Amino acid sequence: MIIQTLAFYLFSIITIVAAVMVISARNPVHSVLFLILAFFNSAGLFVLLGAEFLAMVMVVVYVGAVAVLFMFVVMMLDVNIAELRQGFLQYLPLGGIVGLVLLMELAVVAGGFVISPEVSERFAAPIPVPSDIANTEALGNIIYTKYVYFFQAAGIILLVAMIGAIVLTHRSREGTRKQRISNQVNRRPEDTIEIKKVSTGSGI
């Protein structure tokens, strides 16, 4: 129990510090690296909880795909930090109000659990009694029975986000050249290649 407690506090502290550094780091590349660190330590917390499948998904999906994709996007966009800071003071009051509202909501939720601890039992999913049920099977039973509507809603949100990203990527912008496969396939060699006979020593 002592080793598990020490591991829990170690993973928790590193996760919290990495999460703070994600939003406070000045370099976007450093923010993505701290995000990867937070994902790894979150996976460690899932392992301590006995949810090995969620830990594997956290590493494979979030670290191996999402975070690495963020890294490549940030490096390819060549983000100018000076331009990002120009409108910081303009949006500071609105950001402060949003942060205050979120803080109040978290305080209300935490206060409700402190005042009446039995509330958490109403939202907790029942733990399967048979011990031979694997972690993946138990997770699937809960997601596709009790939380099926929330699961479908999350899928719709992700689908809308994907469609929005595709539309923004393929929108027509002035001065942007796009690859046209049909023109490349249908072009003839005589339209693009010119053969010239060059005499020795005379150049072109």
N, C-alpha and C. Protein backbone atom coordinates (compact mmCIF):
# COMPACT_ATOMS: atom_id res chain seq x y z
N MET A 1 0.83 -1.21 0.00
CA MET A 1 0.00 0.00 0.00
C MET A 1 0.86 1.26 0.00
N ILE A 2 2.02 1.20 0.66
CA ILE A 2 2.87 2.39 0.71
C ILE A 2 3.40 2.72 -0.68
N ILE A 3 3.80 1.68 -1.43
CA ILE A 3 4.33 1.91 -2.77
C ILE A 3 3.23 2.45 -3.69
N GLN A 4 2.01 1.90 -3.57
CA GLN A 4 0.92 2.41 -4.39
C GLN A 4 0.58 3.85 -4.04
N THR A 5 0.61 4.19 -2.75
CA THR A 5 0.32 5.56 -2.35
C THR A 5 1.39 6.52 -2.87
N LEU A 6 2.65 6.12 -2.76
CA LEU A 6 3.72 6.98 -3.27
C LEU A 6 3.62 7.15 -4.79
N ALA A 7 3.29 6.05 -5.49
CA ALA A 7 3.13 6.15 -6.94
C ALA A 7 1.96 7.05 -7.31
N PHE A 8 0.87 6.96 -6.53
CA PHE A 8 -0.29 7.81 -6.81
C PHE A 8 0.07 9.29 -6.65
N TYR A 9 0.72 9.64 -5.55
CA TYR A 9 1.09 11.04 -5.34
C TYR A 9 2.11 11.50 -6.38
N LEU A 10 3.01 10.63 -6.78
CA LEU A 10 4.01 11.00 -7.79
C LEU A 10 3.34 11.29 -9.12
N PHE A 11 2.48 10.37 -9.58
CA PHE A 11 1.79 10.58 -10.85
C PHE A 11 0.87 11.80 -10.79
N SER A 12 0.20 11.99 -9.66
CA SER A 12 -0.74 13.11 -9.53
C SER A 12 -0.01 14.45 -9.57
N ILE A 13 1.08 14.55 -8.82
CA ILE A 13 1.82 15.82 -8.78
C ILE A 13 2.39 16.16 -10.15
N ILE A 14 2.98 15.16 -10.81
CA ILE A 14 3.54 15.41 -12.14
C ILE A 14 2.45 15.78 -13.14
N THR A 15 1.29 15.13 -13.04
CA THR A 15 0.18 15.46 -13.95
C THR A 15 -0.29 16.89 -13.76
N ILE A 16 -0.45 17.30 -12.49
CA ILE A 16 -0.92 18.67 -12.22
C ILE A 16 0.10 19.69 -12.67
N VAL A 17 1.37 19.45 -12.38
CA VAL A 17 2.42 20.39 -12.80
C VAL A 17 2.50 20.47 -14.32
N ALA A 18 2.41 19.32 -15.00
CA ALA A 18 2.45 19.32 -16.46
C ALA A 18 1.24 20.04 -17.05
N ALA A 19 0.07 19.86 -16.44
CA ALA A 19 -1.13 20.54 -16.94
C ALA A 19 -1.01 22.05 -16.78
N VAL A 20 -0.44 22.50 -15.67
CA VAL A 20 -0.23 23.94 -15.48
C VAL A 20 0.77 24.48 -16.50
N MET A 21 1.81 23.71 -16.77
CA MET A 21 2.82 24.16 -17.74
C MET A 21 2.27 24.17 -19.16
N VAL A 22 1.27 23.35 -19.45
CA VAL A 22 0.67 23.36 -20.79
C VAL A 22 0.07 24.72 -21.11
N ILE A 23 -0.59 25.33 -20.14
CA ILE A 23 -1.26 26.61 -20.38
C ILE A 23 -0.39 27.80 -20.03
N SER A 24 0.73 27.58 -19.37
CA SER A 24 1.58 28.70 -18.97
C SER A 24 2.88 28.79 -19.76
N ALA A 25 3.24 27.75 -20.51
CA ALA A 25 4.48 27.79 -21.28
C ALA A 25 4.34 28.78 -22.43
N ARG A 26 5.41 29.52 -22.70
CA ARG A 26 5.37 30.53 -23.76
C ARG A 26 5.57 29.91 -25.14
N ASN A 27 6.30 28.82 -25.20
CA ASN A 27 6.57 28.17 -26.48
C ASN A 27 5.51 27.10 -26.73
N PRO A 28 4.80 27.14 -27.87
CA PRO A 28 3.78 26.12 -28.13
C PRO A 28 4.34 24.71 -28.18
N VAL A 29 5.58 24.55 -28.66
CA VAL A 29 6.19 23.22 -28.72
C VAL A 29 6.39 22.68 -27.31
N HIS A 30 6.81 23.52 -26.39
CA HIS A 30 6.97 23.09 -25.00
C HIS A 30 5.61 22.71 -24.40
N SER A 31 4.56 23.43 -24.77
CA SER A 31 3.22 23.10 -24.27
C SER A 31 2.80 21.70 -24.72
N VAL A 32 3.08 21.36 -25.98
CA VAL A 32 2.73 20.03 -26.47
C VAL A 32 3.53 18.96 -25.74
N LEU A 33 4.81 19.22 -25.48
CA LEU A 33 5.63 18.25 -24.75
C LEU A 33 5.11 18.04 -23.33
N PHE A 34 4.72 19.11 -22.66
CA PHE A 34 4.13 18.97 -21.33
C PHE A 34 2.79 18.24 -21.40
N LEU A 35 2.04 18.43 -22.50
CA LEU A 35 0.78 17.70 -22.66
C LEU A 35 1.03 16.21 -22.78
N ILE A 36 2.07 15.82 -23.51
CA ILE A 36 2.43 14.40 -23.62
C ILE A 36 2.80 13.85 -22.25
N LEU A 37 3.56 14.63 -21.47
CA LEU A 37 3.93 14.20 -20.12
C LEU A 37 2.69 14.01 -19.25
N ALA A 38 1.72 14.91 -19.37
CA ALA A 38 0.48 14.78 -18.59
C ALA A 38 -0.29 13.52 -18.99
N PHE A 39 -0.31 13.21 -20.29
CA PHE A 39 -0.99 12.00 -20.75
C PHE A 39 -0.34 10.74 -20.19
N PHE A 40 0.98 10.70 -20.20
CA PHE A 40 1.68 9.52 -19.69
C PHE A 40 1.38 9.31 -18.21
N ASN A 41 1.41 10.36 -17.43
CA ASN A 41 1.14 10.21 -15.99
C ASN A 41 -0.32 9.91 -15.72
N SER A 42 -1.22 10.40 -16.56
CA SER A 42 -2.63 10.02 -16.43
C SER A 42 -2.81 8.53 -16.71
N ALA A 43 -2.06 8.03 -17.67
CA ALA A 43 -2.10 6.59 -17.93
C ALA A 43 -1.60 5.80 -16.73
N GLY A 44 -0.57 6.31 -16.05
CA GLY A 44 -0.10 5.66 -14.83
C GLY A 44 -1.17 5.63 -13.74
N LEU A 45 -1.96 6.70 -13.64
CA LEU A 45 -3.05 6.72 -12.66
C LEU A 45 -4.12 5.69 -13.02
N PHE A 46 -4.40 5.53 -14.29
CA PHE A 46 -5.38 4.51 -14.71
C PHE A 46 -4.89 3.10 -14.38
N VAL A 47 -3.58 2.88 -14.52
CA VAL A 47 -3.03 1.57 -14.17
C VAL A 47 -3.20 1.31 -12.68
N LEU A 48 -2.98 2.32 -11.86
CA LEU A 48 -3.18 2.15 -10.42
C LEU A 48 -4.63 1.85 -10.08
N LEU A 49 -5.57 2.38 -10.87
CA LEU A 49 -6.99 2.12 -10.63
C LEU A 49 -7.44 0.76 -11.16
N GLY A 50 -6.56 0.06 -11.87
CA GLY A 50 -6.92 -1.22 -12.44
C GLY A 50 -7.56 -1.14 -13.80
N ALA A 51 -7.53 0.05 -14.42
CA ALA A 51 -8.11 0.23 -15.76
C ALA A 51 -6.99 0.21 -16.78
N GLU A 52 -6.48 -0.99 -17.07
CA GLU A 52 -5.34 -1.10 -17.99
C GLU A 52 -5.73 -0.72 -19.41
N PHE A 53 -6.97 -1.00 -19.80
CA PHE A 53 -7.40 -0.66 -21.15
C PHE A 53 -7.41 0.85 -21.37
N LEU A 54 -7.92 1.60 -20.40
CA LEU A 54 -7.92 3.06 -20.52
C LEU A 54 -6.49 3.61 -20.55
N ALA A 55 -5.61 3.00 -19.78
CA ALA A 55 -4.21 3.44 -19.81
C ALA A 55 -3.58 3.21 -21.18
N MET A 56 -3.88 2.06 -21.78
CA MET A 56 -3.35 1.78 -23.11
C MET A 56 -3.93 2.74 -24.14
N VAL A 57 -5.23 3.02 -24.05
CA VAL A 57 -5.84 3.97 -24.97
C VAL A 57 -5.25 5.36 -24.80
N MET A 58 -4.99 5.74 -23.57
CA MET A 58 -4.40 7.05 -23.31
C MET A 58 -3.04 7.19 -23.97
N VAL A 59 -2.23 6.13 -23.92
CA VAL A 59 -0.89 6.19 -24.51
C VAL A 59 -0.94 6.07 -26.02
N VAL A 60 -1.72 5.10 -26.51
CA VAL A 60 -1.73 4.83 -27.96
C VAL A 60 -2.44 5.94 -28.72
N VAL A 61 -3.63 6.33 -28.25
CA VAL A 61 -4.44 7.29 -29.00
C VAL A 61 -3.98 8.73 -28.74
N TYR A 62 -3.93 9.11 -27.48
CA TYR A 62 -3.66 10.51 -27.19
C TYR A 62 -2.19 10.87 -27.39
N VAL A 63 -1.30 10.06 -26.85
CA VAL A 63 0.12 10.35 -27.00
C VAL A 63 0.60 10.01 -28.41
N GLY A 64 0.21 8.84 -28.90
CA GLY A 64 0.72 8.40 -30.19
C GLY A 64 0.10 9.09 -31.38
N ALA A 65 -1.08 9.67 -31.24
CA ALA A 65 -1.74 10.28 -32.39
C ALA A 65 -2.03 11.76 -32.17
N VAL A 66 -2.81 12.07 -31.15
CA VAL A 66 -3.28 13.44 -30.98
C VAL A 66 -2.12 14.38 -30.63
N ALA A 67 -1.35 14.03 -29.61
CA ALA A 67 -0.28 14.93 -29.17
C ALA A 67 0.81 15.07 -30.23
N VAL A 68 1.16 13.97 -30.89
CA VAL A 68 2.16 14.05 -31.96
C VAL A 68 1.63 14.88 -33.12
N LEU A 69 0.33 14.76 -33.41
CA LEU A 69 -0.27 15.59 -34.46
C LEU A 69 -0.21 17.06 -34.08
N PHE A 70 -0.49 17.38 -32.82
CA PHE A 70 -0.37 18.76 -32.37
C PHE A 70 1.06 19.27 -32.57
N MET A 71 2.01 18.42 -32.25
CA MET A 71 3.41 18.81 -32.39
C MET A 71 3.75 19.16 -33.84
N PHE A 72 3.35 18.29 -34.77
CA PHE A 72 3.65 18.56 -36.17
C PHE A 72 2.93 19.80 -36.67
N VAL A 73 1.68 20.00 -36.25
CA VAL A 73 0.92 21.17 -36.68
C VAL A 73 1.57 22.45 -36.17
N VAL A 74 1.96 22.46 -34.90
CA VAL A 74 2.58 23.64 -34.32
C VAL A 74 3.91 23.95 -35.01
N MET A 75 4.70 22.91 -35.30
CA MET A 75 5.99 23.13 -35.93
C MET A 75 5.83 23.56 -37.39
N MET A 76 4.82 23.05 -38.09
CA MET A 76 4.64 23.42 -39.50
C MET A 76 4.02 24.80 -39.66
N LEU A 77 3.17 25.22 -38.69
CA LEU A 77 2.53 26.52 -38.81
C LEU A 77 3.49 27.66 -38.54
N ASP A 78 4.59 27.40 -37.84
CA ASP A 78 5.57 28.44 -37.50
C ASP A 78 4.86 29.60 -36.80
N VAL A 79 4.28 29.30 -35.64
CA VAL A 79 3.48 30.27 -34.92
C VAL A 79 4.36 31.41 -34.43
N ASN A 80 3.91 32.63 -34.69
CA ASN A 80 4.62 33.82 -34.24
C ASN A 80 4.10 34.19 -32.85
N ILE A 81 4.94 34.06 -31.85
CA ILE A 81 4.52 34.32 -30.47
C ILE A 81 4.20 35.79 -30.26
N ALA A 82 4.94 36.67 -30.92
CA ALA A 82 4.71 38.11 -30.74
C ALA A 82 3.32 38.51 -31.21
N GLU A 83 2.86 37.93 -32.33
CA GLU A 83 1.53 38.25 -32.83
C GLU A 83 0.44 37.71 -31.91
N LEU A 84 0.69 36.57 -31.28
CA LEU A 84 -0.31 36.01 -30.37
C LEU A 84 -0.48 36.86 -29.12
N ARG A 85 0.57 37.53 -28.71
CA ARG A 85 0.50 38.32 -27.48
C ARG A 85 -0.10 39.70 -27.69
N GLN A 86 -0.29 40.11 -28.94
CA GLN A 86 -0.76 41.46 -29.18
C GLN A 86 -2.18 41.67 -28.66
N GLY A 87 -3.05 40.69 -28.83
CA GLY A 87 -4.43 40.83 -28.38
C GLY A 87 -4.70 40.22 -27.01
N PHE A 88 -3.63 40.00 -26.22
CA PHE A 88 -3.82 39.34 -24.92
C PHE A 88 -4.61 40.22 -23.97
N LEU A 89 -4.24 41.49 -23.85
CA LEU A 89 -4.93 42.38 -22.92
C LEU A 89 -6.36 42.66 -23.36
N GLN A 90 -6.62 42.56 -24.65
CA GLN A 90 -7.97 42.83 -25.15
C GLN A 90 -8.97 41.78 -24.68
N TYR A 91 -8.52 40.52 -24.65
CA TYR A 91 -9.40 39.42 -24.25
C TYR A 91 -9.20 38.99 -22.79
N LEU A 92 -8.38 39.70 -22.06
CA LEU A 92 -8.13 39.32 -20.66
C LEU A 92 -9.37 39.43 -19.78
N PRO A 93 -10.18 40.51 -19.85
CA PRO A 93 -11.39 40.55 -19.00
C PRO A 93 -12.37 39.41 -19.29
N LEU A 94 -12.59 39.11 -20.59
CA LEU A 94 -13.51 38.03 -20.93
C LEU A 94 -12.98 36.68 -20.46
N GLY A 95 -11.67 36.46 -20.64
CA GLY A 95 -11.07 35.22 -20.15
C GLY A 95 -11.16 35.10 -18.64
N GLY A 96 -10.98 36.22 -17.94
CA GLY A 96 -11.09 36.19 -16.48
C GLY A 96 -12.50 35.85 -16.02
N ILE A 97 -13.51 36.39 -16.72
CA ILE A 97 -14.90 36.10 -16.36
C ILE A 97 -15.21 34.61 -16.59
N VAL A 98 -14.78 34.08 -17.74
CA VAL A 98 -15.01 32.66 -18.03
C VAL A 98 -14.32 31.77 -17.00
N GLY A 99 -13.06 32.12 -16.66
CA GLY A 99 -12.34 31.35 -15.64
C GLY A 99 -13.00 31.42 -14.28
N LEU A 100 -13.54 32.58 -13.92
CA LEU A 100 -14.23 32.72 -12.64
C LEU A 100 -15.51 31.89 -12.60
N VAL A 101 -16.24 31.87 -13.71
CA VAL A 101 -17.46 31.06 -13.76
C VAL A 101 -17.13 29.57 -13.62
N LEU A 102 -16.09 29.12 -14.33
CA LEU A 102 -15.69 27.71 -14.21
C LEU A 102 -15.24 27.38 -12.79
N LEU A 103 -14.51 28.31 -12.16
CA LEU A 103 -14.07 28.08 -10.79
C LEU A 103 -15.25 27.99 -9.84
N MET A 104 -16.26 28.82 -10.04
CA MET A 104 -17.45 28.76 -9.19
C MET A 104 -18.20 27.45 -9.40
N GLU A 105 -18.28 26.99 -10.65
CA GLU A 105 -18.95 25.71 -10.90
C GLU A 105 -18.23 24.55 -10.23
N LEU A 106 -16.90 24.55 -10.32
CA LEU A 106 -16.13 23.49 -9.64
C LEU A 106 -16.31 23.56 -8.13
N ALA A 107 -16.39 24.77 -7.58
CA ALA A 107 -16.59 24.91 -6.14
C ALA A 107 -17.96 24.38 -5.72
N VAL A 108 -18.97 24.64 -6.55
CA VAL A 108 -20.32 24.16 -6.24
C VAL A 108 -20.36 22.63 -6.27
N VAL A 109 -19.74 22.04 -7.31
CA VAL A 109 -19.73 20.58 -7.42
C VAL A 109 -18.98 19.95 -6.25
N ALA A 110 -17.77 20.49 -5.95
CA ALA A 110 -16.99 19.94 -4.84
C ALA A 110 -17.70 20.14 -3.51
N GLY A 111 -18.34 21.29 -3.33
CA GLY A 111 -19.07 21.52 -2.09
C GLY A 111 -20.25 20.60 -1.92
N GLY A 112 -20.91 20.27 -3.05
CA GLY A 112 -22.03 19.33 -2.97
C GLY A 112 -21.60 17.95 -2.53
N PHE A 113 -20.46 17.48 -3.02
CA PHE A 113 -19.95 16.18 -2.60
C PHE A 113 -19.50 16.19 -1.14
N VAL A 114 -19.00 17.32 -0.68
CA VAL A 114 -18.56 17.41 0.72
C VAL A 114 -19.76 17.44 1.66
N ILE A 115 -20.80 18.20 1.28
CA ILE A 115 -21.97 18.31 2.15
C ILE A 115 -22.73 16.99 2.21
N SER A 116 -22.94 16.36 1.07
CA SER A 116 -23.68 15.09 1.03
C SER A 116 -22.86 14.06 0.28
N PRO A 117 -22.03 13.29 0.96
CA PRO A 117 -21.20 12.28 0.27
C PRO A 117 -21.99 11.18 -0.40
N GLU A 118 -23.24 10.97 0.00
CA GLU A 118 -24.02 9.89 -0.60
C GLU A 118 -24.43 10.19 -2.03
N VAL A 119 -24.24 11.44 -2.49
CA VAL A 119 -24.61 11.79 -3.86
C VAL A 119 -23.77 11.02 -4.87
N SER A 120 -22.51 10.79 -4.53
CA SER A 120 -21.62 10.10 -5.47
C SER A 120 -22.07 8.67 -5.73
N GLU A 121 -22.76 8.05 -4.78
CA GLU A 121 -23.22 6.69 -4.98
C GLU A 121 -24.34 6.60 -6.01
N ARG A 122 -25.08 7.70 -6.20
CA ARG A 122 -26.17 7.67 -7.17
C ARG A 122 -25.63 7.70 -8.61
N PHE A 123 -24.49 8.35 -8.81
CA PHE A 123 -23.93 8.46 -10.16
C PHE A 123 -22.94 7.36 -10.47
N ALA A 124 -22.45 6.67 -9.46
CA ALA A 124 -21.45 5.63 -9.70
C ALA A 124 -22.09 4.42 -10.35
N ALA A 125 -21.39 3.88 -11.33
CA ALA A 125 -21.88 2.68 -12.02
C ALA A 125 -21.63 1.46 -11.14
N PRO A 126 -22.52 0.49 -11.13
CA PRO A 126 -22.32 -0.71 -10.30
C PRO A 126 -21.13 -1.52 -10.78
N ILE A 127 -20.33 -1.97 -9.86
CA ILE A 127 -19.16 -2.79 -10.18
C ILE A 127 -19.61 -4.23 -10.35
N PRO A 128 -19.25 -4.86 -11.46
CA PRO A 128 -19.68 -6.26 -11.67
C PRO A 128 -19.12 -7.17 -10.59
N VAL A 129 -19.99 -8.04 -10.10
CA VAL A 129 -19.60 -8.94 -9.01
C VAL A 129 -18.62 -10.01 -9.47
N PRO A 130 -18.85 -10.68 -10.62
CA PRO A 130 -17.90 -11.74 -11.01
C PRO A 130 -16.51 -11.16 -11.27
N SER A 131 -15.53 -11.83 -10.74
CA SER A 131 -14.15 -11.34 -10.89
C SER A 131 -13.51 -11.77 -12.20
N ASP A 132 -14.18 -12.66 -12.95
CA ASP A 132 -13.59 -13.13 -14.21
C ASP A 132 -13.89 -12.21 -15.38
N ILE A 133 -14.64 -11.12 -15.16
CA ILE A 133 -14.93 -10.16 -16.21
C ILE A 133 -13.71 -9.26 -16.42
N ALA A 134 -13.27 -9.17 -17.64
CA ALA A 134 -12.09 -8.35 -17.94
C ALA A 134 -12.43 -6.88 -17.87
N ASN A 135 -11.38 -6.07 -17.80
CA ASN A 135 -11.56 -4.63 -17.69
C ASN A 135 -12.23 -4.06 -18.93
N THR A 136 -11.85 -4.55 -20.09
CA THR A 136 -12.44 -4.06 -21.34
C THR A 136 -13.91 -4.41 -21.44
N GLU A 137 -14.27 -5.64 -21.04
CA GLU A 137 -15.67 -6.06 -21.10
C GLU A 137 -16.53 -5.27 -20.13
N ALA A 138 -16.02 -5.03 -18.93
CA ALA A 138 -16.78 -4.24 -17.95
C ALA A 138 -16.97 -2.81 -18.43
N LEU A 139 -15.93 -2.24 -19.03
CA LEU A 139 -16.04 -0.88 -19.55
C LEU A 139 -17.04 -0.80 -20.68
N GLY A 140 -17.02 -1.80 -21.58
CA GLY A 140 -17.98 -1.82 -22.68
C GLY A 140 -19.40 -1.98 -22.20
N ASN A 141 -19.62 -2.81 -21.18
CA ASN A 141 -20.98 -2.98 -20.64
C ASN A 141 -21.52 -1.68 -20.07
N ILE A 142 -20.66 -0.91 -19.43
CA ILE A 142 -21.12 0.36 -18.83
C ILE A 142 -21.38 1.40 -19.90
N ILE A 143 -20.46 1.51 -20.89
CA ILE A 143 -20.58 2.56 -21.91
C ILE A 143 -21.80 2.33 -22.78
N TYR A 144 -22.02 1.08 -23.20
CA TYR A 144 -23.08 0.80 -24.16
C TYR A 144 -24.42 0.48 -23.51
N THR A 145 -24.53 0.61 -22.19
CA THR A 145 -25.81 0.42 -21.52
C THR A 145 -26.24 1.68 -20.76
N LYS A 146 -25.49 2.05 -19.75
CA LYS A 146 -25.88 3.18 -18.92
C LYS A 146 -25.53 4.52 -19.56
N TYR A 147 -24.39 4.60 -20.24
CA TYR A 147 -23.93 5.86 -20.81
C TYR A 147 -23.97 5.85 -22.34
N VAL A 148 -24.90 5.12 -22.92
CA VAL A 148 -24.93 4.99 -24.38
C VAL A 148 -25.30 6.32 -25.04
N TYR A 149 -26.21 7.10 -24.44
CA TYR A 149 -26.60 8.39 -25.04
C TYR A 149 -25.46 9.40 -24.96
N PHE A 150 -24.74 9.40 -23.85
CA PHE A 150 -23.59 10.29 -23.75
C PHE A 150 -22.50 9.88 -24.74
N PHE A 151 -22.35 8.59 -24.94
CA PHE A 151 -21.35 8.09 -25.89
C PHE A 151 -21.72 8.51 -27.31
N GLN A 152 -23.00 8.40 -27.67
CA GLN A 152 -23.43 8.84 -28.99
C GLN A 152 -23.30 10.35 -29.16
N ALA A 153 -23.58 11.10 -28.10
CA ALA A 153 -23.44 12.56 -28.18
C ALA A 153 -21.98 12.96 -28.39
N ALA A 154 -21.08 12.27 -27.70
CA ALA A 154 -19.66 12.56 -27.89
C ALA A 154 -19.22 12.22 -29.32
N GLY A 155 -19.75 11.13 -29.87
CA GLY A 155 -19.43 10.78 -31.26
C GLY A 155 -19.94 11.83 -32.24
N ILE A 156 -21.13 12.37 -32.00
CA ILE A 156 -21.67 13.41 -32.89
C ILE A 156 -20.83 14.68 -32.81
N ILE A 157 -20.40 15.04 -31.60
CA ILE A 157 -19.55 16.23 -31.45
C ILE A 157 -18.24 16.06 -32.19
N LEU A 158 -17.63 14.89 -32.08
CA LEU A 158 -16.38 14.63 -32.79
C LEU A 158 -16.60 14.63 -34.30
N LEU A 159 -17.75 14.11 -34.76
CA LEU A 159 -18.03 14.11 -36.18
C LEU A 159 -18.20 15.53 -36.72
N VAL A 160 -18.90 16.37 -35.97
CA VAL A 160 -19.07 17.77 -36.39
C VAL A 160 -17.71 18.49 -36.42
N ALA A 161 -16.86 18.21 -35.42
CA ALA A 161 -15.54 18.83 -35.40
C ALA A 161 -14.70 18.37 -36.60
N MET A 162 -14.80 17.10 -36.94
CA MET A 162 -14.04 16.59 -38.10
C MET A 162 -14.54 17.22 -39.39
N ILE A 163 -15.87 17.32 -39.56
CA ILE A 163 -16.42 17.95 -40.76
C ILE A 163 -16.00 19.42 -40.84
N GLY A 164 -16.03 20.10 -39.71
CA GLY A 164 -15.61 21.50 -39.69
C GLY A 164 -14.15 21.68 -40.08
N ALA A 165 -13.29 20.78 -39.59
CA ALA A 165 -11.88 20.86 -39.96
C ALA A 165 -11.66 20.61 -41.45
N ILE A 166 -12.41 19.65 -42.01
CA ILE A 166 -12.29 19.36 -43.44
C ILE A 166 -12.79 20.54 -44.27
N VAL A 167 -13.90 21.15 -43.86
CA VAL A 167 -14.44 22.29 -44.60
C VAL A 167 -13.48 23.47 -44.56
N LEU A 168 -12.90 23.74 -43.38
CA LEU A 168 -11.95 24.84 -43.27
C LEU A 168 -10.69 24.59 -44.09
N THR A 169 -10.29 23.33 -44.18
CA THR A 169 -9.08 23.01 -44.94
C THR A 169 -9.30 23.17 -46.43
N HIS A 170 -10.47 22.76 -46.93
CA HIS A 170 -10.73 22.77 -48.37
C HIS A 170 -11.48 24.01 -48.83
N ARG A 171 -11.56 25.03 -48.02
CA ARG A 171 -12.25 26.24 -48.47
C ARG A 171 -11.39 26.96 -49.53
N SER A 172 -12.07 27.64 -50.43
CA SER A 172 -11.38 28.33 -51.52
C SER A 172 -10.87 29.68 -51.03
N ARG A 173 -9.58 29.91 -51.17
CA ARG A 173 -8.96 31.16 -50.77
C ARG A 173 -8.20 31.75 -51.95
N GLU A 174 -8.22 33.04 -52.04
CA GLU A 174 -7.56 33.72 -53.14
C GLU A 174 -6.05 33.62 -52.99
N GLY A 175 -5.39 33.27 -54.07
CA GLY A 175 -3.94 33.17 -54.05
C GLY A 175 -3.41 31.83 -53.60
N THR A 176 -4.29 30.86 -53.38
CA THR A 176 -3.87 29.53 -52.92
C THR A 176 -3.94 28.55 -54.09
N ARG A 177 -2.86 27.86 -54.34
CA ARG A 177 -2.81 26.87 -55.41
C ARG A 177 -3.02 25.48 -54.83
N LYS A 178 -3.92 24.73 -55.45
CA LYS A 178 -4.23 23.38 -54.99
C LYS A 178 -3.85 22.35 -56.04
N GLN A 179 -3.58 21.18 -55.58
CA GLN A 179 -3.22 20.09 -56.47
C GLN A 179 -4.47 19.52 -57.14
N ARG A 180 -4.41 19.39 -58.48
CA ARG A 180 -5.52 18.82 -59.24
C ARG A 180 -5.02 17.55 -59.91
N ILE A 181 -5.48 16.43 -59.38
CA ILE A 181 -5.00 15.14 -59.85
C ILE A 181 -5.38 14.91 -61.31
N SER A 182 -6.58 15.32 -61.71
CA SER A 182 -7.04 15.07 -63.08
C SER A 182 -6.17 15.78 -64.10
N ASN A 183 -5.77 17.02 -63.80
CA ASN A 183 -4.91 17.75 -64.73
C ASN A 183 -3.54 17.09 -64.84
N GLN A 184 -3.04 16.56 -63.73
CA GLN A 184 -1.73 15.92 -63.75
C GLN A 184 -1.77 14.60 -64.52
N VAL A 185 -2.85 13.86 -64.37
CA VAL A 185 -2.94 12.57 -65.07
C VAL A 185 -3.14 12.76 -66.57
N ASN A 186 -3.92 13.77 -66.96
CA ASN A 186 -4.28 13.96 -68.36
C ASN A 186 -3.27 14.79 -69.16
N ARG A 187 -2.26 15.30 -68.53
CA ARG A 187 -1.31 16.11 -69.29
C ARG A 187 -0.45 15.22 -70.18
N ARG A 188 -0.01 15.79 -71.29
CA ARG A 188 0.79 15.06 -72.27
C ARG A 188 2.26 15.44 -72.14
N PRO A 189 3.15 14.53 -72.45
CA PRO A 189 4.58 14.85 -72.33
C PRO A 189 5.02 15.99 -73.24
N GLU A 190 4.44 16.09 -74.45
CA GLU A 190 4.87 17.14 -75.37
C GLU A 190 4.46 18.54 -74.89
N ASP A 191 3.49 18.61 -73.96
CA ASP A 191 3.10 19.92 -73.43
C ASP A 191 4.01 20.40 -72.31
N THR A 192 4.75 19.51 -71.70
CA THR A 192 5.57 19.89 -70.55
C THR A 192 7.06 19.66 -70.76
N ILE A 193 7.44 18.87 -71.78
CA ILE A 193 8.84 18.53 -71.99
C ILE A 193 9.29 19.06 -73.35
N GLU A 194 10.41 19.70 -73.36
CA GLU A 194 11.01 20.22 -74.60
C GLU A 194 12.42 19.67 -74.72
N ILE A 195 12.68 18.99 -75.80
CA ILE A 195 13.99 18.38 -76.04
C ILE A 195 14.80 19.28 -76.96
N LYS A 196 15.98 19.63 -76.54
CA LYS A 196 16.88 20.48 -77.33
C LYS A 196 18.21 19.77 -77.53
N LYS A 197 18.75 19.93 -78.73
CA LYS A 197 20.06 19.37 -79.02
C LYS A 197 21.11 20.45 -78.77
N VAL A 198 22.01 20.13 -77.89
CA VAL A 198 23.04 21.09 -77.50
C VAL A 198 24.36 20.64 -78.10
N SER A 199 25.00 21.56 -78.79
CA SER A 199 26.32 21.26 -79.35
C SER A 199 27.36 21.23 -78.27
N THR A 200 28.35 20.41 -78.46
CA THR A 200 29.40 20.27 -77.46
C THR A 200 30.17 21.58 -77.32
N GLY A 201 30.27 22.08 -76.08
CA GLY A 201 31.04 23.28 -75.81
C GLY A 201 30.30 24.57 -76.04
N SER A 202 29.08 24.55 -76.54
CA SER A 202 28.36 25.80 -76.82
C SER A 202 27.35 26.16 -75.75
N GLY A 203 26.94 25.21 -74.95
CA GLY A 203 25.95 25.48 -73.93
C GLY A 203 24.55 25.57 -74.51
N ILE A 204 23.60 26.01 -73.69
CA ILE A 204 22.21 26.09 -74.14
C ILE A 204 21.97 27.45 -74.85
